[in-house]
Amino acid sequence: MSLRTPPARHAIYTATLLALSTVSAIAWADPSPALDRASVSVGAFYTEPRINYEGDTNYGRIDTGTYKTDHVTLPRVKAQLLLGDSQGLDFDYYRYDKTYSPTLSGSTNYNGLPLNGNGKLDAKLKLDLANVAYKWWLGSGNDVFGIGVGAAYYSASLKGTASGVLNGVSGNSSYEESEHAYAPLLELGWRHAVSENVRVYADASGIKKNGGNIRGHIYGGALGVEWYPTKAIGVVAEYSASKISLNRNRDGADLNVRLNGPAAYVKFRF
């Protein structure tokens, strides 16, 4: 039978209309009330960092021990975008950029000679962490569970002056380290709509980097509640925790950072 006969054309038109209707229904269907089509959260993370650094300087290998800094407020930005009703993109970025002045102590060997020393490092530590993940949301109604895969970019730099005593001789020298890397990212999430204006959520993420100049891992988690006094703008309260552990292969330098504390955001929904 020719495709130009009336019955064939009618079947093609009918199938086309059904396909377009299905695509339109999928495109305009409402997502779970626990999710937004698009949102941006801008806020700050209040934390008391715990930092440990080990590395080589002109004074031999140093170990700062666990150094607890004063409470700091770190800027943080998050964004979400749904593609359809059950998939989307998640973005998260924050920076630590503060002075860092631990006491140094340690020992090593240089050209076969034992070196021992102690002193102080007056420096600025800068950490940048950005995550992008493609997320699948499972479930319907007021509860959804998400799993995401993506990539993370992290950068760490330490710059300043080390001063102290090495084998009984006083001195000082400038000190600068900087590294950055990309790594695969895995995310898990849960969202629950308590009511039209209130939601609760939990998130967890893991970053693992093997090979290259830098290896290590970054783990994070958060528990939060969202309240929307208006349809477009909400307030978010969260408790967040991050554990950063990085190691440089060429000299065994180690940086360990813990960031735990409350965070607050203003969330804009579109």
C-alpha atoms as a PDB file:
ATOM      1  CA  MET A   1       0.000   0.000   0.000  1.00  0.00           C
ATOM      2  CA  SER A   2       1.354   3.442  -0.891  1.00  0.00           C
ATOM      3  CA  LEU A   3       2.063   5.884   1.957  1.00  0.00           C
ATOM      4  CA  ARG A   4       0.103   8.472  -0.027  1.00  0.00           C
ATOM      5  CA  THR A   5      -3.241   6.717   0.341  1.00  0.00           C
ATOM      6  CA  PRO A   6      -5.780   8.364   2.715  1.00  0.00           C
ATOM      7  CA  PRO A   7      -5.697   5.581   5.367  1.00  0.00           C
ATOM      8  CA  ALA A   8      -1.897   5.702   5.555  1.00  0.00           C
ATOM      9  CA  ARG A   9      -1.845   9.502   5.765  1.00  0.00           C
ATOM     10  CA  HIS A  10      -4.499   9.418   8.488  1.00  0.00           C
ATOM     11  CA  ALA A  11      -2.440   6.933  10.508  1.00  0.00           C
ATOM     12  CA  ILE A  12       0.691   9.081  10.152  1.00  0.00           C
ATOM     13  CA  TYR A  13      -1.183  12.241  11.205  1.00  0.00           C
ATOM     14  CA  THR A  14      -2.692  10.447  14.191  1.00  0.00           C
ATOM     15  CA  ALA A  15       0.670   9.065  15.323  1.00  0.00           C
ATOM     16  CA  THR A  16       2.291  12.476  14.919  1.00  0.00           C
ATOM     17  CA  LEU A  17      -0.391  14.211  16.965  1.00  0.00           C
ATOM     18  CA  LEU A  18      -0.099  11.577  19.727  1.00  0.00           C
ATOM     19  CA  ALA A  19       3.691  11.969  19.819  1.00  0.00           C
ATOM     20  CA  LEU A  20       3.486  15.758  19.995  1.00  0.00           C
ATOM     21  CA  SER A  21       0.845  15.571  22.713  1.00  0.00           C
ATOM     22  CA  THR A  22       3.005  13.185  24.752  1.00  0.00           C
ATOM     23  CA  VAL A  23       6.111  15.378  24.392  1.00  0.00           C
ATOM     24  CA  SER A  24       4.082  18.466  25.332  1.00  0.00           C
ATOM     25  CA  ALA A  25       2.629  16.763  28.397  1.00  0.00           C
ATOM     26  CA  ILE A  26       6.095  15.664  29.519  1.00  0.00           C
ATOM     27  CA  ALA A  27       7.583  19.120  28.917  1.00  0.00           C
ATOM     28  CA  TRP A  28       4.905  20.958  30.874  1.00  0.00           C
ATOM     29  CA  ALA A  29       4.165  18.444  33.621  1.00  0.00           C
ATOM     30  CA  ASP A  30       4.780  19.712  37.128  1.00  0.00           C
ATOM     31  CA  PRO A  31       7.805  18.328  39.006  1.00  0.00           C
ATOM     32  CA  SER A  32       7.630  17.108  42.593  1.00  0.00           C
ATOM     33  CA  PRO A  33       6.692  19.902  45.042  1.00  0.00           C
ATOM     34  CA  ALA A  34      10.059  19.190  46.693  1.00  0.00           C
ATOM     35  CA  LEU A  35      11.891  20.467  43.573  1.00  0.00           C
ATOM     36  CA  ASP A  36      12.122  23.774  41.706  1.00  0.00           C
ATOM     37  CA  ARG A  37      12.449  24.362  37.997  1.00  0.00           C
ATOM     38  CA  ALA A  38      15.431  26.638  38.674  1.00  0.00           C
ATOM     39  CA  SER A  39      16.912  28.298  41.749  1.00  0.00           C
ATOM     40  CA  VAL A  40      19.948  30.217  42.992  1.00  0.00           C
ATOM     41  CA  SER A  41      21.017  30.332  46.657  1.00  0.00           C
ATOM     42  CA  VAL A  42      23.433  33.020  47.848  1.00  0.00           C
ATOM     43  CA  GLY A  43      24.732  33.002  51.408  1.00  0.00           C
ATOM     44  CA  ALA A  44      27.554  32.325  53.817  1.00  0.00           C
ATOM     45  CA  PHE A  45      29.069  29.459  55.776  1.00  0.00           C
ATOM     46  CA  TYR A  46      30.108  30.212  59.399  1.00  0.00           C
ATOM     47  CA  THR A  47      32.837  27.854  60.567  1.00  0.00           C
ATOM     48  CA  GLU A  48      35.871  27.365  62.797  1.00  0.00           C
ATOM     49  CA  PRO A  49      38.415  25.743  60.442  1.00  0.00           C
ATOM     50  CA  ARG A  50      40.787  23.045  61.634  1.00  0.00           C
ATOM     51  CA  ILE A  51      43.878  22.886  59.444  1.00  0.00           C
ATOM     52  CA  ASN A  52      46.866  20.557  59.387  1.00  0.00           C
ATOM     53  CA  TYR A  53      49.746  21.020  56.959  1.00  0.00           C
ATOM     54  CA  GLU A  54      52.927  18.984  56.474  1.00  0.00           C
ATOM     55  CA  GLY A  55      55.551  19.900  53.902  1.00  0.00           C
ATOM     56  CA  ASP A  56      59.161  20.760  53.154  1.00  0.00           C
ATOM     57  CA  THR A  57      60.631  24.244  53.628  1.00  0.00           C
ATOM     58  CA  ASN A  58      64.146  25.620  54.067  1.00  0.00           C
ATOM     59  CA  TYR A  59      63.762  24.592  57.713  1.00  0.00           C
ATOM     60  CA  GLY A  60      63.259  20.959  56.893  1.00  0.00           C
ATOM     61  CA  ARG A  61      59.955  19.132  56.928  1.00  0.00           C
ATOM     62  CA  ILE A  62      57.341  20.949  58.980  1.00  0.00           C
ATOM     63  CA  ASP A  63      54.193  19.794  60.696  1.00  0.00           C
ATOM     64  CA  THR A  64      51.744  22.406  61.973  1.00  0.00           C
ATOM     65  CA  GLY A  65      49.684  19.917  63.945  1.00  0.00           C
ATOM     66  CA  THR A  66      45.942  20.560  64.064  1.00  0.00           C
ATOM     67  CA  TYR A  67      45.631  24.339  64.015  1.00  0.00           C
ATOM     68  CA  LYS A  68      42.244  25.774  64.937  1.00  0.00           C
ATOM     69  CA  THR A  69      41.645  29.255  63.533  1.00  0.00           C
ATOM     70  CA  ASP A  70      39.110  31.818  64.684  1.00  0.00           C
ATOM     71  CA  HIS A  71      35.558  31.585  63.401  1.00  0.00           C
ATOM     72  CA  VAL A  72      35.252  32.844  59.842  1.00  0.00           C
ATOM     73  CA  THR A  73      32.400  33.533  57.420  1.00  0.00           C
ATOM     74  CA  LEU A  74      32.893  32.032  53.955  1.00  0.00           C
ATOM     75  CA  PRO A  75      30.829  33.042  50.900  1.00  0.00           C
ATOM     76  CA  ARG A  76      28.924  30.221  49.217  1.00  0.00           C
ATOM     77  CA  VAL A  77      26.722  29.959  46.107  1.00  0.00           C
ATOM     78  CA  LYS A  78      24.456  27.094  45.013  1.00  0.00           C
ATOM     79  CA  ALA A  79      22.261  26.673  41.946  1.00  0.00           C
ATOM     80  CA  GLN A  80      19.881  24.022  40.615  1.00  0.00           C
ATOM     81  CA  LEU A  81      18.254  23.601  37.192  1.00  0.00           C
ATOM     82  CA  LEU A  82      15.715  20.929  36.239  1.00  0.00           C
ATOM     83  CA  LEU A  83      15.878  19.464  32.736  1.00  0.00           C
ATOM     84  CA  GLY A  84      12.463  17.871  32.410  1.00  0.00           C
ATOM     85  CA  ASP A  85      10.854  16.723  35.664  1.00  0.00           C
ATOM     86  CA  SER A  86      13.329  14.218  37.111  1.00  0.00           C
ATOM     87  CA  GLN A  87      16.798  15.245  35.894  1.00  0.00           C
ATOM     88  CA  GLY A  88      18.874  18.351  36.264  1.00  0.00           C
ATOM     89  CA  LEU A  89      22.111  20.141  37.073  1.00  0.00           C
ATOM     90  CA  ASP A  90      23.474  21.099  40.509  1.00  0.00           C
ATOM     91  CA  PHE A  91      26.234  23.660  41.131  1.00  0.00           C
ATOM     92  CA  ASP A  92      28.047  24.525  44.374  1.00  0.00           C
ATOM     93  CA  TYR A  93      30.975  26.899  45.039  1.00  0.00           C
ATOM     94  CA  TYR A  94      32.732  28.236  48.118  1.00  0.00           C
ATOM     95  CA  ARG A  95      36.101  29.768  49.003  1.00  0.00           C
ATOM     96  CA  TYR A  96      38.360  29.894  52.049  1.00  0.00           C
ATOM     97  CA  ASP A  97      40.767  32.856  51.854  1.00  0.00           C
ATOM     98  CA  LYS A  98      42.197  33.742  55.277  1.00  0.00           C
ATOM     99  CA  THR A  99      45.483  34.285  57.117  1.00  0.00           C
ATOM    100  CA  TYR A 100      47.135  31.238  58.607  1.00  0.00           C
ATOM    101  CA  SER A 101      49.850  31.513  61.307  1.00  0.00           C
ATOM    102  CA  PRO A 102      50.631  28.161  62.926  1.00  0.00           C
ATOM    103  CA  THR A 103      53.698  27.219  64.952  1.00  0.00           C
ATOM    104  CA  LEU A 104      56.082  24.967  63.027  1.00  0.00           C
ATOM    105  CA  SER A 105      58.089  22.016  64.210  1.00  0.00           C
ATOM    106  CA  GLY A 106      59.639  18.992  62.584  1.00  0.00           C
ATOM    107  CA  SER A 107      62.694  17.202  61.307  1.00  0.00           C
ATOM    108  CA  THR A 108      63.981  15.673  58.076  1.00  0.00           C
ATOM    109  CA  ASN A 109      67.173  14.789  56.249  1.00  0.00           C
ATOM    110  CA  TYR A 110      68.907  16.864  53.586  1.00  0.00           C
ATOM    111  CA  ASN A 111      71.800  15.299  51.608  1.00  0.00           C
ATOM    112  CA  GLY A 112      72.053  12.707  54.332  1.00  0.00           C
ATOM    113  CA  LEU A 113      72.327  15.253  57.161  1.00  0.00           C
ATOM    114  CA  PRO A 114      69.707  15.339  59.940  1.00  0.00           C
ATOM    115  CA  LEU A 115      67.871  18.669  60.209  1.00  0.00           C
ATOM    116  CA  ASN A 116      65.737  19.799  63.136  1.00  0.00           C
ATOM    117  CA  GLY A 117      63.929  23.083  63.583  1.00  0.00           C
ATOM    118  CA  ASN A 118      60.963  25.075  64.797  1.00  0.00           C
ATOM    119  CA  GLY A 119      59.425  28.426  63.992  1.00  0.00           C
ATOM    120  CA  LYS A 120      56.308  30.115  62.665  1.00  0.00           C
ATOM    121  CA  LEU A 121      54.547  30.437  59.349  1.00  0.00           C
ATOM    122  CA  ASP A 122      52.837  33.775  58.591  1.00  0.00           C
ATOM    123  CA  ALA A 123      50.836  33.068  55.495  1.00  0.00           C
ATOM    124  CA  LYS A 124      47.540  33.223  53.666  1.00  0.00           C
ATOM    125  CA  LEU A 125      45.752  29.997  52.846  1.00  0.00           C
ATOM    126  CA  LYS A 126      43.341  30.028  49.900  1.00  0.00           C
ATOM    127  CA  LEU A 127      41.020  27.151  48.995  1.00  0.00           C
ATOM    128  CA  ASP A 128      38.528  27.151  46.119  1.00  0.00           C
ATOM    129  CA  LEU A 129      36.065  24.330  45.541  1.00  0.00           C
ATOM    130  CA  ALA A 130      33.481  24.159  42.734  1.00  0.00           C
ATOM    131  CA  ASN A 131      31.194  21.196  41.942  1.00  0.00           C
ATOM    132  CA  VAL A 132      28.938  20.531  38.954  1.00  0.00           C
ATOM    133  CA  ALA A 133      26.787  17.386  38.855  1.00  0.00           C
ATOM    134  CA  TYR A 134      24.120  15.909  36.619  1.00  0.00           C
ATOM    135  CA  LYS A 135      21.394  14.587  38.923  1.00  0.00           C
ATOM    136  CA  TRP A 136      18.610  12.035  38.579  1.00  0.00           C
ATOM    137  CA  TRP A 137      15.659  12.403  40.969  1.00  0.00           C
ATOM    138  CA  LEU A 138      13.710   9.273  41.903  1.00  0.00           C
ATOM    139  CA  GLY A 139      10.309   9.137  43.541  1.00  0.00           C
ATOM    140  CA  SER A 140       7.153  11.213  43.338  1.00  0.00           C
ATOM    141  CA  GLY A 141       4.923  13.300  45.553  1.00  0.00           C
ATOM    142  CA  ASN A 142       6.502  15.064  48.500  1.00  0.00           C
ATOM    143  CA  ASP A 143       9.641  12.876  48.691  1.00  0.00           C
ATOM    144  CA  VAL A 144      12.380  12.498  46.096  1.00  0.00           C
ATOM    145  CA  PHE A 145      15.830  10.915  46.247  1.00  0.00           C
ATOM    146  CA  GLY A 146      18.659  12.020  44.004  1.00  0.00           C
ATOM    147  CA  ILE A 147      21.912  10.585  42.712  1.00  0.00           C
ATOM    148  CA  GLY A 148      24.350  12.712  40.777  1.00  0.00           C
ATOM    149  CA  VAL A 149      27.643  12.333  38.932  1.00  0.00           C
ATOM    150  CA  GLY A 150      29.884  15.112  37.769  1.00  0.00           C
ATOM    151  CA  ALA A 151      33.196  16.862  38.238  1.00  0.00           C
ATOM    152  CA  ALA A 152      34.850  19.002  40.885  1.00  0.00           C
ATOM    153  CA  TYR A 153      37.560  21.630  40.589  1.00  0.00           C
ATOM    154  CA  TYR A 154      39.677  22.450  43.599  1.00  0.00           C
ATOM    155  CA  SER A 155      42.599  24.784  44.103  1.00  0.00           C
ATOM    156  CA  ALA A 156      44.831  25.276  47.139  1.00  0.00           C
ATOM    157  CA  SER A 157      47.563  27.865  47.682  1.00  0.00           C
ATOM    158  CA  LEU A 158      49.692  28.792  50.684  1.00  0.00           C
ATOM    159  CA  LYS A 159      51.904  31.884  50.517  1.00  0.00           C
ATOM    160  CA  GLY A 160      53.859  33.675  53.218  1.00  0.00           C
ATOM    161  CA  THR A 161      57.029  33.770  55.301  1.00  0.00           C
ATOM    162  CA  ALA A 162      58.519  30.998  57.421  1.00  0.00           C
ATOM    163  CA  SER A 163      60.778  32.100  60.274  1.00  0.00           C
ATOM    164  CA  GLY A 164      62.504  30.149  63.010  1.00  0.00           C
ATOM    165  CA  VAL A 165      65.568  28.189  64.054  1.00  0.00           C
ATOM    166  CA  LEU A 166      67.178  25.381  62.053  1.00  0.00           C
ATOM    167  CA  ASN A 167      69.916  23.415  63.813  1.00  0.00           C
ATOM    168  CA  GLY A 168      70.455  26.372  66.139  1.00  0.00           C
ATOM    169  CA  VAL A 169      70.646  29.009  63.385  1.00  0.00           C
ATOM    170  CA  SER A 170      67.922  31.667  63.094  1.00  0.00           C
ATOM    171  CA  GLY A 171      66.587  32.823  59.761  1.00  0.00           C
ATOM    172  CA  ASN A 172      63.549  33.360  57.558  1.00  0.00           C
ATOM    173  CA  SER A 173      62.462  32.678  54.008  1.00  0.00           C
ATOM    174  CA  SER A 174      59.476  33.159  51.746  1.00  0.00           C
ATOM    175  CA  TYR A 175      57.222  30.177  51.203  1.00  0.00           C
ATOM    176  CA  GLU A 176      54.733  29.600  48.398  1.00  0.00           C
ATOM    177  CA  GLU A 177      52.795  26.520  47.275  1.00  0.00           C
ATOM    178  CA  SER A 178      49.970  26.302  44.774  1.00  0.00           C
ATOM    179  CA  GLU A 179      48.159  23.353  43.213  1.00  0.00           C
ATOM    180  CA  HIS A 180      44.857  22.706  41.472  1.00  0.00           C
ATOM    181  CA  ALA A 181      43.126  19.658  40.017  1.00  0.00           C
ATOM    182  CA  TYR A 182      39.911  18.201  38.614  1.00  0.00           C
ATOM    183  CA  ALA A 183      38.287  15.091  40.045  1.00  0.00           C
ATOM    184  CA  PRO A 184      35.167  12.938  39.598  1.00  0.00           C
ATOM    185  CA  LEU A 185      32.215  13.695  41.875  1.00  0.00           C
ATOM    186  CA  LEU A 186      29.387  11.575  43.318  1.00  0.00           C
ATOM    187  CA  GLU A 187      26.360  13.163  45.030  1.00  0.00           C
ATOM    188  CA  LEU A 188      23.360  11.840  46.957  1.00  0.00           C
ATOM    189  CA  GLY A 189      20.351  13.879  47.998  1.00  0.00           C
ATOM    190  CA  TRP A 190      16.910  13.776  49.607  1.00  0.00           C
ATOM    191  CA  ARG A 191      14.142  16.388  49.430  1.00  0.00           C
ATOM    192  CA  HIS A 192      10.855  16.475  51.346  1.00  0.00           C
ATOM    193  CA  ALA A 193       8.063  19.045  51.006  1.00  0.00           C
ATOM    194  CA  VAL A 194       6.537  19.488  54.467  1.00  0.00           C
ATOM    195  CA  SER A 195       4.046  22.000  53.094  1.00  0.00           C
ATOM    196  CA  GLU A 196       3.780  24.479  50.248  1.00  0.00           C
ATOM    197  CA  ASN A 197       6.095  26.870  52.118  1.00  0.00           C
ATOM    198  CA  VAL A 198       8.449  24.540  54.029  1.00  0.00           C
ATOM    199  CA  ARG A 199      10.933  21.895  52.886  1.00  0.00           C
ATOM    200  CA  VAL A 200      13.699  19.844  54.473  1.00  0.00           C
ATOM    201  CA  TYR A 201      16.673  18.237  52.746  1.00  0.00           C
ATOM    202  CA  ALA A 202      19.874  16.226  53.182  1.00  0.00           C
ATOM    203  CA  ASP A 203      22.890  16.103  50.864  1.00  0.00           C
ATOM    204  CA  ALA A 204      26.123  14.124  50.743  1.00  0.00           C
ATOM    205  CA  SER A 205      29.011  14.274  48.276  1.00  0.00           C
ATOM    206  CA  GLY A 206      32.340  12.597  47.688  1.00  0.00           C
ATOM    207  CA  ILE A 207      35.303  13.559  45.511  1.00  0.00           C
ATOM    208  CA  LYS A 208      38.188  11.155  44.911  1.00  0.00           C
ATOM    209  CA  LYS A 209      41.361  12.074  43.015  1.00  0.00           C
ATOM    210  CA  ASN A 210      43.998   9.497  42.066  1.00  0.00           C
ATOM    211  CA  GLY A 211      47.049  10.010  39.887  1.00  0.00           C
ATOM    212  CA  GLY A 212      48.665  13.207  38.656  1.00  0.00           C
ATOM    213  CA  ASN A 213      50.487  15.696  40.878  1.00  0.00           C
ATOM    214  CA  ILE A 214      47.694  15.757  43.455  1.00  0.00           C
ATOM    215  CA  ARG A 215      45.698  12.955  45.010  1.00  0.00           C
ATOM    216  CA  GLY A 216      43.251  12.895  47.879  1.00  0.00           C
ATOM    217  CA  HIS A 217      39.583  13.161  48.701  1.00  0.00           C
ATOM    218  CA  ILE A 218      36.934  15.683  49.724  1.00  0.00           C
ATOM    219  CA  TYR A 219      33.796  14.597  51.574  1.00  0.00           C
ATOM    220  CA  GLY A 220      30.845  16.812  52.420  1.00  0.00           C
ATOM    221  CA  GLY A 221      27.340  16.702  53.838  1.00  0.00           C
ATOM    222  CA  ALA A 222      24.519  19.052  54.810  1.00  0.00           C
ATOM    223  CA  LEU A 223      21.138  19.077  56.564  1.00  0.00           C
ATOM    224  CA  GLY A 224      18.808  21.990  55.976  1.00  0.00           C
ATOM    225  CA  VAL A 225      15.353  23.524  56.066  1.00  0.00           C
ATOM    226  CA  GLU A 226      13.814  25.965  53.581  1.00  0.00           C
ATOM    227  CA  TRP A 227      11.026  28.449  54.280  1.00  0.00           C
ATOM    228  CA  TYR A 228       9.321  30.491  51.571  1.00  0.00           C
ATOM    229  CA  PRO A 229       7.462  33.599  52.749  1.00  0.00           C
ATOM    230  CA  THR A 230       6.811  34.320  49.052  1.00  0.00           C
ATOM    231  CA  LYS A 231       6.619  32.046  46.026  1.00  0.00           C
ATOM    232  CA  ALA A 232       9.834  33.375  44.494  1.00  0.00           C
ATOM    233  CA  ILE A 233      12.077  34.019  47.529  1.00  0.00           C
ATOM    234  CA  GLY A 234      12.974  31.765  50.447  1.00  0.00           C
ATOM    235  CA  VAL A 235      15.273  31.591  53.460  1.00  0.00           C
ATOM    236  CA  VAL A 236      17.493  28.551  54.014  1.00  0.00           C
ATOM    237  CA  ALA A 237      19.148  27.415  57.268  1.00  0.00           C
ATOM    238  CA  GLU A 238      21.697  24.618  57.026  1.00  0.00           C
ATOM    239  CA  TYR A 239      24.380  22.742  58.963  1.00  0.00           C
ATOM    240  CA  SER A 240      27.257  21.761  56.713  1.00  0.00           C
ATOM    241  CA  ALA A 241      30.456  19.729  57.123  1.00  0.00           C
ATOM    242  CA  SER A 242      33.430  19.229  54.788  1.00  0.00           C
ATOM    243  CA  LYS A 243      36.624  17.197  55.120  1.00  0.00           C
ATOM    244  CA  ILE A 244      39.424  18.013  52.663  1.00  0.00           C
ATOM    245  CA  SER A 245      42.537  15.846  52.409  1.00  0.00           C
ATOM    246  CA  LEU A 246      45.100  16.540  49.661  1.00  0.00           C
ATOM    247  CA  ASN A 247      48.542  15.040  49.071  1.00  0.00           C
ATOM    248  CA  ARG A 248      51.182  16.153  46.566  1.00  0.00           C
ATOM    249  CA  ASN A 249      53.061  13.185  45.141  1.00  0.00           C
ATOM    250  CA  ARG A 250      56.448  14.766  44.399  1.00  0.00           C
ATOM    251  CA  ASP A 251      57.335  15.686  47.985  1.00  0.00           C
ATOM    252  CA  GLY A 252      54.640  14.131  50.168  1.00  0.00           C
ATOM    253  CA  ALA A 253      53.154  17.477  51.229  1.00  0.00           C
ATOM    254  CA  ASP A 254      49.803  16.965  52.997  1.00  0.00           C
ATOM    255  CA  LEU A 255      46.974  19.434  53.604  1.00  0.00           C
ATOM    256  CA  ASN A 256      43.988  18.470  55.766  1.00  0.00           C
ATOM    257  CA  VAL A 257      41.119  20.880  56.412  1.00  0.00           C
ATOM    258  CA  ARG A 258      37.853  20.431  58.322  1.00  0.00           C
ATOM    259  CA  LEU A 259      35.060  22.964  57.893  1.00  0.00           C
ATOM    260  CA  ASN A 260      31.981  22.394  60.069  1.00  0.00           C
ATOM    261  CA  GLY A 261      29.269  24.842  60.993  1.00  0.00           C
ATOM    262  CA  PRO A 262      25.945  26.536  60.177  1.00  0.00           C
ATOM    263  CA  ALA A 263      25.140  28.242  56.899  1.00  0.00           C
ATOM    264  CA  ALA A 264      22.354  30.572  55.787  1.00  0.00           C
ATOM    265  CA  TYR A 265      21.150  31.507  52.312  1.00  0.00           C
ATOM    266  CA  VAL A 266      18.599  33.582  50.470  1.00  0.00           C
ATOM    267  CA  LYS A 267      17.110  31.370  47.763  1.00  0.00           C
ATOM    268  CA  PHE A 268      15.574  32.734  44.569  1.00  0.00           C
ATOM    269  CA  ARG A 269      13.221  30.447  42.633  1.00  0.00           C
ATOM    270  CA  PHE A 270      12.343  30.822  38.967  1.00  0.00           C
END
